PDB file of all heavy atoms in Angstrom:
ATOM      1  N   MET A   1     -28.895   1.207   5.319  1.00  0.00           N
ATOM      2  CA  MET A   1     -28.297   2.509   5.598  1.00  0.00           C
ATOM      3  C   MET A   1     -27.224   2.374   6.667  1.00  0.00           C
ATOM      4  O   MET A   1     -26.130   2.991   6.556  1.00  0.00           O
ATOM      5  CB  MET A   1     -29.374   3.483   6.012  1.00  0.00           C
ATOM      6  CG  MET A   1     -30.355   3.843   4.858  1.00  0.00           C
ATOM      7  SD  MET A   1     -31.906   4.623   5.458  1.00  0.00           S
ATOM      8  CE  MET A   1     -31.261   5.984   6.445  1.00  0.00           C
ATOM      9  N   ALA A   2     -27.544   1.650   7.701  1.00  0.00           N
ATOM     10  CA  ALA A   2     -26.589   1.459   8.850  1.00  0.00           C
ATOM     11  C   ALA A   2     -25.322   0.743   8.356  1.00  0.00           C
ATOM     12  O   ALA A   2     -24.204   1.051   8.746  1.00  0.00           O
ATOM     13  CB  ALA A   2     -27.225   0.760   9.957  1.00  0.00           C
ATOM     14  N   MET A   3     -25.516  -0.287   7.515  1.00  0.00           N
ATOM     15  CA  MET A   3     -24.367  -1.070   7.087  1.00  0.00           C
ATOM     16  C   MET A   3     -23.453  -0.293   6.133  1.00  0.00           C
ATOM     17  O   MET A   3     -22.213  -0.409   6.235  1.00  0.00           O
ATOM     18  CB  MET A   3     -24.855  -2.376   6.407  1.00  0.00           C
ATOM     19  CG  MET A   3     -25.442  -3.380   7.383  1.00  0.00           C
ATOM     20  SD  MET A   3     -25.832  -4.995   6.592  1.00  0.00           S
ATOM     21  CE  MET A   3     -24.219  -5.587   6.152  1.00  0.00           C
ATOM     22  N   VAL A   4     -24.058   0.501   5.238  1.00  0.00           N
ATOM     23  CA  VAL A   4     -23.170   1.234   4.312  1.00  0.00           C
ATOM     24  C   VAL A   4     -22.402   2.346   5.108  1.00  0.00           C
ATOM     25  O   VAL A   4     -21.243   2.606   4.789  1.00  0.00           O
ATOM     26  CB  VAL A   4     -24.004   1.856   3.152  1.00  0.00           C
ATOM     27  CG1 VAL A   4     -24.929   2.951   3.587  1.00  0.00           C
ATOM     28  CG2 VAL A   4     -23.065   2.389   2.064  1.00  0.00           C
ATOM     29  N   ALA A   5     -23.061   2.903   6.119  1.00  0.00           N
ATOM     30  CA  ALA A   5     -22.366   3.897   6.944  1.00  0.00           C
ATOM     31  C   ALA A   5     -21.244   3.241   7.766  1.00  0.00           C
ATOM     32  O   ALA A   5     -20.137   3.797   7.921  1.00  0.00           O
ATOM     33  CB  ALA A   5     -23.351   4.621   7.834  1.00  0.00           C
ATOM     34  N   THR A   6     -21.534   2.070   8.294  1.00  0.00           N
ATOM     35  CA  THR A   6     -20.536   1.295   9.085  1.00  0.00           C
ATOM     36  C   THR A   6     -19.366   0.887   8.191  1.00  0.00           C
ATOM     37  O   THR A   6     -18.179   0.955   8.621  1.00  0.00           O
ATOM     38  CB  THR A   6     -21.184   0.083   9.717  1.00  0.00           C
ATOM     39  OG1 THR A   6     -22.264   0.480  10.515  1.00  0.00           O
ATOM     40  CG2 THR A   6     -20.162  -0.756  10.480  1.00  0.00           C
ATOM     41  N   TRP A   7     -19.610   0.454   7.002  1.00  0.00           N
ATOM     42  CA  TRP A   7     -18.557   0.060   6.070  1.00  0.00           C
ATOM     43  C   TRP A   7     -17.605   1.239   5.827  1.00  0.00           C
ATOM     44  O   TRP A   7     -16.395   1.101   5.964  1.00  0.00           O
ATOM     45  CB  TRP A   7     -19.200  -0.440   4.753  1.00  0.00           C
ATOM     46  CG  TRP A   7     -18.209  -0.760   3.672  1.00  0.00           C
ATOM     47  CD1 TRP A   7     -16.917  -1.308   3.867  1.00  0.00           C
ATOM     48  CD2 TRP A   7     -18.364  -0.644   2.258  1.00  0.00           C
ATOM     49  NE1 TRP A   7     -16.308  -1.481   2.662  1.00  0.00           N
ATOM     50  CE2 TRP A   7     -17.211  -1.129   1.646  1.00  0.00           C
ATOM     51  CE3 TRP A   7     -19.425  -0.177   1.460  1.00  0.00           C
ATOM     52  CZ2 TRP A   7     -17.042  -1.114   0.252  1.00  0.00           C
ATOM     53  CZ3 TRP A   7     -19.273  -0.217   0.115  1.00  0.00           C
ATOM     54  CH2 TRP A   7     -18.055  -0.658  -0.525  1.00  0.00           C
ATOM     55  N   CYS A   8     -18.197   2.402   5.524  1.00  0.00           N
ATOM     56  CA  CYS A   8     -17.362   3.580   5.218  1.00  0.00           C
ATOM     57  C   CYS A   8     -16.634   4.098   6.456  1.00  0.00           C
ATOM     58  O   CYS A   8     -15.542   4.623   6.355  1.00  0.00           O
ATOM     59  CB  CYS A   8     -18.211   4.668   4.594  1.00  0.00           C
ATOM     60  SG  CYS A   8     -18.907   4.252   2.971  1.00  0.00           S
ATOM     61  N   GLN A   9     -17.270   3.995   7.607  1.00  0.00           N
ATOM     62  CA  GLN A   9     -16.636   4.458   8.840  1.00  0.00           C
ATOM     63  C   GLN A   9     -15.582   3.488   9.381  1.00  0.00           C
ATOM     64  O   GLN A   9     -14.453   3.935   9.736  1.00  0.00           O
ATOM     65  CB  GLN A   9     -17.707   4.664   9.932  1.00  0.00           C
ATOM     66  CG  GLN A   9     -17.201   5.161  11.251  1.00  0.00           C
ATOM     67  CD  GLN A   9     -16.607   6.552  11.195  1.00  0.00           C
ATOM     68  OE1 GLN A   9     -17.189   7.437  10.569  1.00  0.00           O
ATOM     69  NE2 GLN A   9     -15.457   6.769  11.813  1.00  0.00           N
ATOM     70  N   HIS A  10     -15.887   2.259   9.383  1.00  0.00           N
ATOM     71  CA  HIS A  10     -14.962   1.275   9.998  1.00  0.00           C
ATOM     72  C   HIS A  10     -13.785   0.861   9.085  1.00  0.00           C
ATOM     73  O   HIS A  10     -12.646   0.724   9.590  1.00  0.00           O
ATOM     74  CB  HIS A  10     -15.767   0.009  10.427  1.00  0.00           C
ATOM     75  CG  HIS A  10     -14.958  -1.028  11.058  1.00  0.00           C
ATOM     76  ND1 HIS A  10     -14.429  -0.890  12.351  1.00  0.00           N
ATOM     77  CD2 HIS A  10     -14.537  -2.256  10.644  1.00  0.00           C
ATOM     78  CE1 HIS A  10     -13.762  -1.967  12.686  1.00  0.00           C
ATOM     79  NE2 HIS A  10     -13.782  -2.833  11.670  1.00  0.00           N
ATOM     80  N   TRP A  11     -14.087   0.605   7.819  1.00  0.00           N
ATOM     81  CA  TRP A  11     -13.064   0.126   6.894  1.00  0.00           C
ATOM     82  C   TRP A  11     -12.497   1.175   5.965  1.00  0.00           C
ATOM     83  O   TRP A  11     -11.393   1.022   5.471  1.00  0.00           O
ATOM     84  CB  TRP A  11     -13.664  -1.036   6.058  1.00  0.00           C
ATOM     85  CG  TRP A  11     -13.641  -2.331   6.738  1.00  0.00           C
ATOM     86  CD1 TRP A  11     -12.579  -3.159   6.984  1.00  0.00           C
ATOM     87  CD2 TRP A  11     -14.755  -3.032   7.270  1.00  0.00           C
ATOM     88  NE1 TRP A  11     -12.931  -4.308   7.665  1.00  0.00           N
ATOM     89  CE2 TRP A  11     -14.304  -4.264   7.824  1.00  0.00           C
ATOM     90  CE3 TRP A  11     -16.129  -2.746   7.309  1.00  0.00           C
ATOM     91  CZ2 TRP A  11     -15.145  -5.164   8.435  1.00  0.00           C
ATOM     92  CZ3 TRP A  11     -16.984  -3.667   7.894  1.00  0.00           C
ATOM     93  CH2 TRP A  11     -16.506  -4.870   8.455  1.00  0.00           C
ATOM     94  N   ARG A  12     -13.261   2.224   5.634  1.00  0.00           N
ATOM     95  CA  ARG A  12     -12.793   3.203   4.679  1.00  0.00           C
ATOM     96  C   ARG A  12     -12.348   4.541   5.266  1.00  0.00           C
ATOM     97  O   ARG A  12     -12.139   5.468   4.510  1.00  0.00           O
ATOM     98  CB  ARG A  12     -13.884   3.439   3.659  1.00  0.00           C
ATOM     99  CG  ARG A  12     -14.316   2.251   2.835  1.00  0.00           C
ATOM    100  CD  ARG A  12     -13.243   1.827   1.872  1.00  0.00           C
ATOM    101  NE  ARG A  12     -12.447   0.669   2.279  1.00  0.00           N
ATOM    102  CZ  ARG A  12     -11.177   0.516   2.107  1.00  0.00           C
ATOM    103  NH1 ARG A  12     -10.499   1.447   1.561  1.00  0.00           N
ATOM    104  NH2 ARG A  12     -10.610  -0.602   2.488  1.00  0.00           N
ATOM    105  N   GLY A  13     -12.307   4.663   6.617  1.00  0.00           N
ATOM    106  CA  GLY A  13     -11.693   5.807   7.173  1.00  0.00           C
ATOM    107  C   GLY A  13     -12.620   6.934   7.653  1.00  0.00           C
ATOM    108  O   GLY A  13     -12.156   7.955   8.124  1.00  0.00           O
ATOM    109  N   GLY A  14     -13.931   6.794   7.458  1.00  0.00           N
ATOM    110  CA  GLY A  14     -14.826   7.795   7.937  1.00  0.00           C
ATOM    111  C   GLY A  14     -15.229   8.832   6.889  1.00  0.00           C
ATOM    112  O   GLY A  14     -15.053   8.581   5.687  1.00  0.00           O
ATOM    113  N   PHE A  15     -15.583  10.036   7.317  1.00  0.00           N
ATOM    114  CA  PHE A  15     -16.152  11.015   6.446  1.00  0.00           C
ATOM    115  C   PHE A  15     -15.506  12.351   6.627  1.00  0.00           C
ATOM    116  O   PHE A  15     -15.073  12.759   7.705  1.00  0.00           O
ATOM    117  CB  PHE A  15     -17.676  11.154   6.715  1.00  0.00           C
ATOM    118  CG  PHE A  15     -18.414   9.894   6.568  1.00  0.00           C
ATOM    119  CD1 PHE A  15     -18.641   9.072   7.684  1.00  0.00           C
ATOM    120  CD2 PHE A  15     -18.922   9.430   5.342  1.00  0.00           C
ATOM    121  CE1 PHE A  15     -19.330   7.869   7.583  1.00  0.00           C
ATOM    122  CE2 PHE A  15     -19.612   8.275   5.284  1.00  0.00           C
ATOM    123  CZ  PHE A  15     -19.865   7.462   6.399  1.00  0.00           C
ATOM    124  N   SER A  16     -15.397  13.094   5.506  1.00  0.00           N
ATOM    125  CA  SER A  16     -14.816  14.447   5.519  1.00  0.00           C
ATOM    126  C   SER A  16     -15.223  15.174   4.271  1.00  0.00           C
ATOM    127  O   SER A  16     -15.896  14.600   3.408  1.00  0.00           O
ATOM    128  CB  SER A  16     -13.278  14.344   5.611  1.00  0.00           C
ATOM    129  OG  SER A  16     -12.711  15.643   5.592  1.00  0.00           O
ATOM    130  N   LEU A  17     -14.888  16.474   4.228  1.00  0.00           N
ATOM    131  CA  LEU A  17     -15.197  17.300   3.058  1.00  0.00           C
ATOM    132  C   LEU A  17     -13.924  17.859   2.452  1.00  0.00           C
ATOM    133  O   LEU A  17     -13.944  18.900   1.751  1.00  0.00           O
ATOM    134  CB  LEU A  17     -16.160  18.409   3.401  1.00  0.00           C
ATOM    135  CG  LEU A  17     -17.540  18.001   3.930  1.00  0.00           C
ATOM    136  CD1 LEU A  17     -18.330  19.233   4.338  1.00  0.00           C
ATOM    137  CD2 LEU A  17     -18.300  17.233   2.850  1.00  0.00           C
ATOM    138  N   ASP A  18     -12.803  17.179   2.677  1.00  0.00           N
ATOM    139  CA  ASP A  18     -11.486  17.721   2.270  1.00  0.00           C
ATOM    140  C   ASP A  18     -11.047  17.240   0.876  1.00  0.00           C
ATOM    141  O   ASP A  18      -9.936  17.460   0.442  1.00  0.00           O
ATOM    142  CB  ASP A  18     -10.409  17.353   3.318  1.00  0.00           C
ATOM    143  CG  ASP A  18     -10.293  15.861   3.528  1.00  0.00           C
ATOM    144  OD1 ASP A  18     -11.034  15.107   2.872  1.00  0.00           O
ATOM    145  OD2 ASP A  18      -9.508  15.447   4.402  1.00  0.00           O
ATOM    146  N   GLY A  19     -11.919  16.540   0.185  1.00  0.00           N
ATOM    147  CA  GLY A  19     -11.552  16.032  -1.111  1.00  0.00           C
ATOM    148  C   GLY A  19     -10.792  14.691  -1.152  1.00  0.00           C
ATOM    149  O   GLY A  19     -10.424  14.138  -2.216  1.00  0.00           O
ATOM    150  N   SER A  20     -10.553  14.089   0.021  1.00  0.00           N
ATOM    151  CA  SER A  20      -9.845  12.837   0.126  1.00  0.00           C
ATOM    152  C   SER A  20     -10.835  11.705  -0.073  1.00  0.00           C
ATOM    153  O   SER A  20     -12.016  11.863  -0.460  1.00  0.00           O
ATOM    154  CB  SER A  20      -9.148  12.754   1.443  1.00  0.00           C
ATOM    155  OG  SER A  20     -10.097  12.667   2.500  1.00  0.00           O
ATOM    156  N   THR A  21     -10.316  10.470   0.185  1.00  0.00           N
ATOM    157  CA  THR A  21     -11.186   9.307   0.105  1.00  0.00           C
ATOM    158  C   THR A  21     -12.319   9.389   1.099  1.00  0.00           C
ATOM    159  O   THR A  21     -13.389   8.765   0.888  1.00  0.00           O
ATOM    160  CB  THR A  21     -10.399   7.983   0.369  1.00  0.00           C
ATOM    161  OG1 THR A  21      -9.718   8.113   1.608  1.00  0.00           O
ATOM    162  CG2 THR A  21      -9.372   7.811  -0.740  1.00  0.00           C
ATOM    163  N   ARG A  22     -12.141  10.157   2.189  1.00  0.00           N
ATOM    164  CA  ARG A  22     -13.189  10.299   3.159  1.00  0.00           C
ATOM    165  C   ARG A  22     -14.337  11.166   2.594  1.00  0.00           C
ATOM    166  O   ARG A  22     -15.472  11.061   3.042  1.00  0.00           O
ATOM    167  CB  ARG A  22     -12.696  10.920   4.449  1.00  0.00           C
ATOM    168  CG  ARG A  22     -11.706  10.022   5.172  1.00  0.00           C
ATOM    169  CD  ARG A  22     -11.297  10.565   6.511  1.00  0.00           C
ATOM    170  NE  ARG A  22     -10.553  11.823   6.335  1.00  0.00           N
ATOM    171  CZ  ARG A  22     -10.272  12.665   7.371  1.00  0.00           C
ATOM    172  NH1 ARG A  22     -10.637  12.348   8.561  1.00  0.00           N
ATOM    173  NH2 ARG A  22      -9.594  13.769   7.099  1.00  0.00           N
ATOM    174  N   THR A  23     -14.042  12.009   1.627  1.00  0.00           N
ATOM    175  CA  THR A  23     -15.090  12.742   0.921  1.00  0.00           C
ATOM    176  C   THR A  23     -15.857  11.777   0.021  1.00  0.00           C
ATOM    177  O   THR A  23     -17.100  11.879  -0.035  1.00  0.00           O
ATOM    178  CB  THR A  23     -14.511  13.848   0.054  1.00  0.00           C
ATOM    179  OG1 THR A  23     -13.787  14.777   0.951  1.00  0.00           O
ATOM    180  CG2 THR A  23     -15.555  14.596  -0.701  1.00  0.00           C
ATOM    181  N   PHE A  24     -15.158  10.849  -0.655  1.00  0.00           N
ATOM    182  CA  PHE A  24     -15.805   9.902  -1.478  1.00  0.00           C
ATOM    183  C   PHE A  24     -16.808   9.030  -0.670  1.00  0.00           C
ATOM    184  O   PHE A  24     -17.841   8.612  -1.172  1.00  0.00           O
ATOM    185  CB  PHE A  24     -14.796   8.973  -2.125  1.00  0.00           C
ATOM    186  CG  PHE A  24     -15.415   7.767  -2.810  1.00  0.00           C
ATOM    187  CD1 PHE A  24     -15.875   7.917  -4.113  1.00  0.00           C
ATOM    188  CD2 PHE A  24     -15.587   6.573  -2.158  1.00  0.00           C
ATOM    189  CE1 PHE A  24     -16.450   6.813  -4.802  1.00  0.00           C
ATOM    190  CE2 PHE A  24     -16.186   5.505  -2.836  1.00  0.00           C
ATOM    191  CZ  PHE A  24     -16.604   5.620  -4.100  1.00  0.00           C
ATOM    192  N   ASN A  25     -16.530   8.797   0.608  1.00  0.00           N
ATOM    193  CA  ASN A  25     -17.360   7.913   1.445  1.00  0.00           C
ATOM    194  C   ASN A  25     -18.776   8.441   1.560  1.00  0.00           C
ATOM    195  O   ASN A  25     -19.679   7.620   1.913  1.00  0.00           O
ATOM    196  CB  ASN A  25     -16.731   7.728   2.802  1.00  0.00           C
ATOM    197  CG  ASN A  25     -15.459   6.820   2.716  1.00  0.00           C
ATOM    198  OD1 ASN A  25     -15.232   6.102   1.816  1.00  0.00           O
ATOM    199  ND2 ASN A  25     -14.638   6.912   3.747  1.00  0.00           N
ATOM    200  N   TRP A  26     -18.962   9.723   1.387  1.00  0.00           N
ATOM    201  CA  TRP A  26     -20.331  10.259   1.405  1.00  0.00           C
ATOM    202  C   TRP A  26     -21.164   9.679   0.207  1.00  0.00           C
ATOM    203  O   TRP A  26     -22.354   9.638   0.284  1.00  0.00           O
ATOM    204  CB  TRP A  26     -20.314  11.796   1.327  1.00  0.00           C
ATOM    205  CG  TRP A  26     -19.904  12.444   2.600  1.00  0.00           C
ATOM    206  CD1 TRP A  26     -18.718  13.075   2.841  1.00  0.00           C
ATOM    207  CD2 TRP A  26     -20.628  12.510   3.845  1.00  0.00           C
ATOM    208  NE1 TRP A  26     -18.744  13.555   4.137  1.00  0.00           N
ATOM    209  CE2 TRP A  26     -19.917  13.226   4.770  1.00  0.00           C
ATOM    210  CE3 TRP A  26     -21.954  12.065   4.196  1.00  0.00           C
ATOM    211  CZ2 TRP A  26     -20.338  13.476   6.032  1.00  0.00           C
ATOM    212  CZ3 TRP A  26     -22.335  12.322   5.496  1.00  0.00           C
ATOM    213  CH2 TRP A  26     -21.580  13.014   6.391  1.00  0.00           C
ATOM    214  N   HIS A  27     -20.476   9.363  -0.841  1.00  0.00           N
ATOM    215  CA  HIS A  27     -21.162   8.956  -2.073  1.00  0.00           C
ATOM    216  C   HIS A  27     -22.024   7.693  -1.893  1.00  0.00           C
ATOM    217  O   HIS A  27     -23.197   7.730  -2.101  1.00  0.00           O
ATOM    218  CB  HIS A  27     -20.171   8.752  -3.221  1.00  0.00           C
ATOM    219  CG  HIS A  27     -20.760   8.221  -4.467  1.00  0.00           C
ATOM    220  ND1 HIS A  27     -21.582   8.929  -5.277  1.00  0.00           N
ATOM    221  CD2 HIS A  27     -20.593   6.998  -5.090  1.00  0.00           C
ATOM    222  CE1 HIS A  27     -21.950   8.184  -6.312  1.00  0.00           C
ATOM    223  NE2 HIS A  27     -21.364   7.009  -6.224  1.00  0.00           N
ATOM    224  N   PRO A  28     -21.468   6.588  -1.424  1.00  0.00           N
ATOM    225  CA  PRO A  28     -22.265   5.393  -1.232  1.00  0.00           C
ATOM    226  C   PRO A  28     -23.415   5.601  -0.173  1.00  0.00           C
ATOM    227  O   PRO A  28     -24.485   5.085  -0.343  1.00  0.00           O
ATOM    228  CB  PRO A  28     -21.300   4.264  -0.848  1.00  0.00           C
ATOM    229  CG  PRO A  28     -20.118   5.005  -0.333  1.00  0.00           C
ATOM    230  CD  PRO A  28     -20.045   6.303  -1.096  1.00  0.00           C
TER     231      PRO A  28
END
């Protein structure tokens, strides 16, 4: 769980609900 969150935060730009790639990051 920590690694998938770190991957999305550090390399994929973090999290958001605006429909961008940061919204996708919630998926994994």
